[in-house]
Amino acid sequence: MTTVTVITGANKGLGFETARRLIEAGHTVYAGARDAHRGEQAAKALGAHPLLIDVADEASVAAAAQHVRAEAGRVDVLINNAGIAGPAAPAGELTATDLQQVFDTNVFGAVRTTRAFLPLLQAAAQPAIVNVSSSLGSLTINADPAAHTHILQAWAPLLAYNSSKAALNMLTAVYAQAFPQITVTSVDPGFTATDLNGHQGTQSVEEGAAVIVEAATAAHGTPSPAFVGVSGPVPW
């Protein structure tokens, strides 16, 4: 029986490459995108099922879950990949509205999507959720970045982005405790060249997607929260 995988933000970058690799591995992939035309183009190029989903829109997420329910009946792997960088202004210049916009996608978007797809995950034999996070969300690293240069490929004091990824890591830990039958994992793709950073990353999307693919295809033992980094575990 094929593995049914849903990936948000799959029309480009890490999401697209992850979808490509998982399809190559035999997964049936629903490639999520918030723009219907771009999503259909990407899905056609991948050989995936297009899935219209805007994680910042409750109704859109609910409709996407209903669409997958009608076609597949279950979801084996949910990859919460959709994310935005937000403003790069100094911390003192950012407003609550600035942070709210970033959290609406990076944090609340993962909550909306996880909640909507939870019944479909619970219908699977070995369900998994993979949250695409970042070492920039580590409290330990942000408290002393100079002491963690062996882990970090790059660090920046991005108030909105870093705090949103820290929140996403907490979602991972709490969801894993709340749903022990689901393997819930946060992964760090590293500093990958994508639209998110103006293609300034030092890794290719092929390199960055590797850890996401690994988490999505790993044999499930006892489910537990984890944060997987490119070079191994990253302190939270």
Protein backbone atom coordinates (compact mmCIF):
# COMPACT_ATOMS: atom_id res chain seq x y z
CA MET A 1 0.00 0.00 0.00
CA THR A 2 1.43 3.34 -1.04
CA THR A 3 2.39 6.00 1.51
CA VAL A 4 0.12 9.05 1.28
CA THR A 5 2.05 12.24 2.00
CA VAL A 6 0.82 15.83 2.22
CA ILE A 7 3.37 18.64 1.89
CA THR A 8 2.48 22.30 2.37
CA GLY A 9 4.39 24.90 0.37
CA ALA A 10 5.41 22.28 -2.20
CA ASN A 11 5.33 24.35 -5.39
CA LYS A 12 8.96 25.47 -5.02
CA GLY A 13 12.15 25.23 -2.99
CA LEU A 14 12.48 22.64 -0.25
CA GLY A 15 8.86 21.55 -0.53
CA PHE A 16 9.17 20.86 -4.26
CA GLU A 17 12.43 18.94 -3.88
CA THR A 18 11.04 16.95 -0.96
CA ALA A 19 7.99 16.04 -3.04
CA ARG A 20 10.18 15.00 -5.96
CA ARG A 21 12.30 12.73 -3.78
CA LEU A 22 9.34 11.15 -2.01
CA ILE A 23 7.52 10.47 -5.27
CA GLU A 24 10.73 8.85 -6.48
CA ALA A 25 10.61 6.71 -3.33
CA GLY A 26 7.06 5.59 -4.12
CA HIS A 27 4.94 7.99 -2.08
CA THR A 28 1.64 9.34 -3.32
CA VAL A 29 2.21 13.05 -2.74
CA TYR A 30 -0.33 15.84 -2.39
CA ALA A 31 1.70 18.93 -3.25
CA GLY A 32 0.20 21.87 -1.39
CA ALA A 33 0.29 25.43 -2.71
CA ARG A 34 -1.70 28.55 -1.92
CA ASP A 35 -1.81 29.63 -5.58
CA ALA A 36 -3.88 27.26 -7.71
CA HIS A 37 -2.06 27.89 -11.00
CA ARG A 38 1.43 27.55 -9.55
CA GLY A 39 0.35 24.53 -7.58
CA GLU A 40 -1.04 22.77 -10.64
CA GLN A 41 2.10 23.55 -12.63
CA ALA A 42 4.32 22.16 -9.88
CA ALA A 43 2.18 19.07 -9.40
CA LYS A 44 2.24 18.35 -13.12
CA ALA A 45 6.04 18.66 -13.20
CA LEU A 46 6.34 16.38 -10.18
CA GLY A 47 3.70 13.81 -10.97
CA ALA A 48 1.95 14.77 -7.73
CA HIS A 49 -1.65 15.52 -6.83
CA PRO A 50 -2.22 19.29 -6.66
CA LEU A 51 -3.63 20.51 -3.35
CA LEU A 52 -4.87 24.06 -2.96
CA ILE A 53 -4.07 25.08 0.61
CA ASP A 54 -3.30 28.40 2.22
CA VAL A 55 -2.16 27.57 5.75
CA ALA A 56 -3.06 31.09 6.90
CA ASP A 57 -6.72 30.52 5.95
CA GLU A 58 -8.84 28.23 8.13
CA ALA A 59 -11.40 27.54 5.40
CA SER A 60 -8.70 26.73 2.84
CA VAL A 61 -7.05 24.23 5.19
CA ALA A 62 -10.37 22.57 6.02
CA ALA A 63 -11.23 22.26 2.32
CA ALA A 64 -7.82 20.74 1.58
CA ALA A 65 -8.25 18.13 4.30
CA GLN A 66 -11.70 17.26 2.98
CA HIS A 67 -10.29 16.90 -0.54
CA VAL A 68 -7.62 14.45 0.62
CA ARG A 69 -10.16 12.58 2.74
CA ALA A 70 -12.41 12.10 -0.29
CA GLU A 71 -9.56 10.88 -2.51
CA ALA A 72 -7.24 8.97 -0.19
CA GLY A 73 -9.10 8.39 3.07
CA ARG A 74 -5.98 8.78 5.18
CA VAL A 75 -2.63 10.57 5.45
CA ASP A 76 0.51 8.67 6.43
CA VAL A 77 2.88 11.66 6.52
CA LEU A 78 2.10 15.35 6.95
CA ILE A 79 4.98 17.72 6.24
CA ASN A 80 4.39 21.23 7.58
CA ASN A 81 6.82 22.99 5.25
CA ALA A 82 5.09 26.28 4.34
CA GLY A 83 6.83 29.24 5.94
CA ILE A 84 7.82 32.86 5.50
CA ALA A 85 10.88 34.78 6.63
CA GLY A 86 9.21 38.03 7.62
CA PRO A 87 11.00 41.36 8.03
CA ALA A 88 14.75 41.45 8.67
CA ALA A 89 14.63 44.80 10.49
CA PRO A 90 16.32 45.23 13.90
CA ALA A 91 14.35 43.74 16.78
CA GLY A 92 13.54 47.14 18.27
CA GLU A 93 11.87 48.29 15.07
CA LEU A 94 9.46 45.37 14.72
CA THR A 95 5.86 45.62 15.82
CA ALA A 96 3.46 43.03 17.16
CA THR A 97 1.76 43.10 13.74
CA ASP A 98 5.07 42.19 12.08
CA LEU A 99 5.41 39.15 14.31
CA GLN A 100 1.76 38.24 13.98
CA GLN A 101 2.09 37.96 10.20
CA VAL A 102 5.01 35.56 10.51
CA PHE A 103 3.41 33.50 13.27
CA ASP A 104 0.20 33.23 11.28
CA THR A 105 2.02 31.12 8.69
CA ASN A 106 4.93 29.53 10.55
CA VAL A 107 3.11 28.65 13.78
CA PHE A 108 -0.65 29.01 13.51
CA GLY A 109 -0.46 27.58 9.98
CA ALA A 110 1.08 24.40 11.36
CA VAL A 111 -1.62 24.26 14.04
CA ARG A 112 -4.43 24.72 11.50
CA THR A 113 -3.00 22.08 9.20
CA THR A 114 -2.19 19.56 11.92
CA ARG A 115 -5.64 19.88 13.48
CA ALA A 116 -7.45 19.57 10.13
CA PHE A 117 -5.46 16.51 9.03
CA LEU A 118 -5.34 14.83 12.45
CA PRO A 119 -8.31 12.49 11.78
CA LEU A 120 -6.68 11.39 8.52
CA LEU A 121 -3.36 10.78 10.28
CA GLN A 122 -5.12 8.77 12.97
CA ALA A 123 -6.60 6.59 10.21
CA ALA A 124 -3.07 5.56 9.14
CA ALA A 125 -1.15 2.61 10.55
CA GLN A 126 2.11 4.48 11.26
CA PRO A 127 1.41 8.21 10.93
CA ALA A 128 4.06 10.89 11.08
CA ILE A 129 4.21 14.68 11.19
CA VAL A 130 7.37 16.45 10.06
CA ASN A 131 7.68 20.14 10.98
CA VAL A 132 10.27 22.01 8.92
CA SER A 133 11.96 24.18 11.52
CA SER A 134 15.40 25.77 11.88
CA SER A 135 18.33 25.87 14.26
CA LEU A 136 17.51 29.59 14.44
CA GLY A 137 14.61 28.49 16.64
CA SER A 138 16.92 27.00 19.27
CA LEU A 139 16.87 28.92 22.57
CA THR A 140 20.31 27.57 23.42
CA ILE A 141 21.82 28.73 20.14
CA ASN A 142 20.20 32.16 20.23
CA ALA A 143 21.41 32.71 23.80
CA ASP A 144 25.03 32.21 22.69
CA PRO A 145 25.44 31.89 18.90
CA ALA A 146 29.22 32.22 19.07
CA ALA A 147 29.42 29.00 21.08
CA HIS A 148 27.56 27.02 18.44
CA THR A 149 29.40 27.82 15.24
CA HIS A 150 30.05 24.08 14.84
CA ILE A 151 26.31 23.63 14.32
CA LEU A 152 25.25 26.88 12.69
CA GLN A 153 25.85 27.62 9.05
CA ALA A 154 24.61 31.17 9.63
CA TRP A 155 22.93 33.09 12.43
CA ALA A 156 20.91 36.29 12.39
CA PRO A 157 18.94 38.08 15.14
CA LEU A 158 15.62 37.72 13.31
CA LEU A 159 13.05 38.41 16.01
CA ALA A 160 10.00 37.25 14.06
CA TYR A 161 11.47 34.25 12.24
CA ASN A 162 13.59 32.88 15.09
CA SER A 163 10.81 33.14 17.65
CA SER A 164 8.31 31.54 15.27
CA LYS A 165 10.59 28.53 14.80
CA ALA A 166 11.09 28.27 18.56
CA ALA A 167 7.30 28.14 18.89
CA LEU A 168 7.12 25.51 16.15
CA ASN A 169 9.62 23.37 18.09
CA MET A 170 7.37 23.59 21.14
CA LEU A 171 4.39 22.51 19.03
CA THR A 172 6.41 19.46 18.02
CA ALA A 173 7.17 18.53 21.63
CA VAL A 174 3.60 19.00 22.86
CA TYR A 175 1.94 17.26 19.89
CA ALA A 176 4.29 14.31 20.36
CA GLN A 177 3.24 14.02 24.00
CA ALA A 178 -0.44 14.48 23.17
CA PHE A 179 -0.47 11.92 20.35
CA PRO A 180 2.04 9.16 21.19
CA GLN A 181 0.77 7.04 18.29
CA ILE A 182 2.07 9.67 15.84
CA THR A 183 5.77 10.24 15.22
CA VAL A 184 6.17 14.02 15.45
CA THR A 185 9.52 15.48 14.41
CA SER A 186 11.10 18.89 13.82
CA VAL A 187 13.89 19.02 11.26
CA ASP A 188 16.48 21.63 10.36
CA PRO A 189 17.31 21.72 6.62
CA GLY A 190 20.18 24.14 7.26
CA PHE A 191 21.00 27.36 5.42
CA THR A 192 19.53 26.41 2.05
CA ALA A 193 19.37 28.65 -1.01
CA THR A 194 15.64 29.35 -1.49
CA ASP A 195 13.32 32.30 -2.03
CA LEU A 196 13.07 32.55 1.77
CA ASN A 197 16.58 33.99 2.01
CA GLY A 198 16.95 35.47 -1.46
CA HIS A 199 18.91 32.36 -2.54
CA GLN A 200 21.81 33.36 -0.29
CA GLY A 201 21.94 29.99 1.46
CA THR A 202 25.11 27.92 1.28
CA GLN A 203 23.33 24.64 0.55
CA SER A 204 21.41 23.45 -2.49
CA VAL A 205 17.76 22.43 -2.15
CA GLU A 206 18.88 18.85 -2.77
CA GLU A 207 21.12 19.04 0.29
CA GLY A 208 18.55 20.84 2.40
CA ALA A 209 15.69 18.49 1.57
CA ALA A 210 17.67 15.40 2.58
CA VAL A 211 16.83 15.67 6.29
CA ILE A 212 13.12 16.21 5.54
CA VAL A 213 13.03 13.16 3.29
CA GLU A 214 14.89 11.15 5.92
CA ALA A 215 12.34 12.04 8.59
CA ALA A 216 9.44 11.29 6.25
CA THR A 217 10.76 7.87 5.28
CA ALA A 218 12.34 6.73 8.55
CA ALA A 219 11.09 3.47 9.99
CA HIS A 220 8.90 4.35 12.98
CA GLY A 221 10.00 3.03 16.33
CA THR A 222 8.59 4.43 19.56
CA PRO A 223 7.27 7.90 18.65
CA SER A 224 9.02 10.74 20.45
CA PRO A 225 9.68 14.43 19.87
CA ALA A 226 12.95 15.11 18.11
CA PHE A 227 14.88 17.87 16.47
CA VAL A 228 17.05 16.55 13.66
CA GLY A 229 19.84 18.73 12.32
CA VAL A 230 22.03 18.47 9.27
CA SER A 231 24.99 17.55 11.47
CA GLY A 232 23.02 15.75 14.16
CA PRO A 233 20.83 16.78 17.09
CA VAL A 234 20.48 20.49 17.68
CA PRO A 235 19.91 21.83 21.22
CA TRP A 236 16.55 23.51 21.67
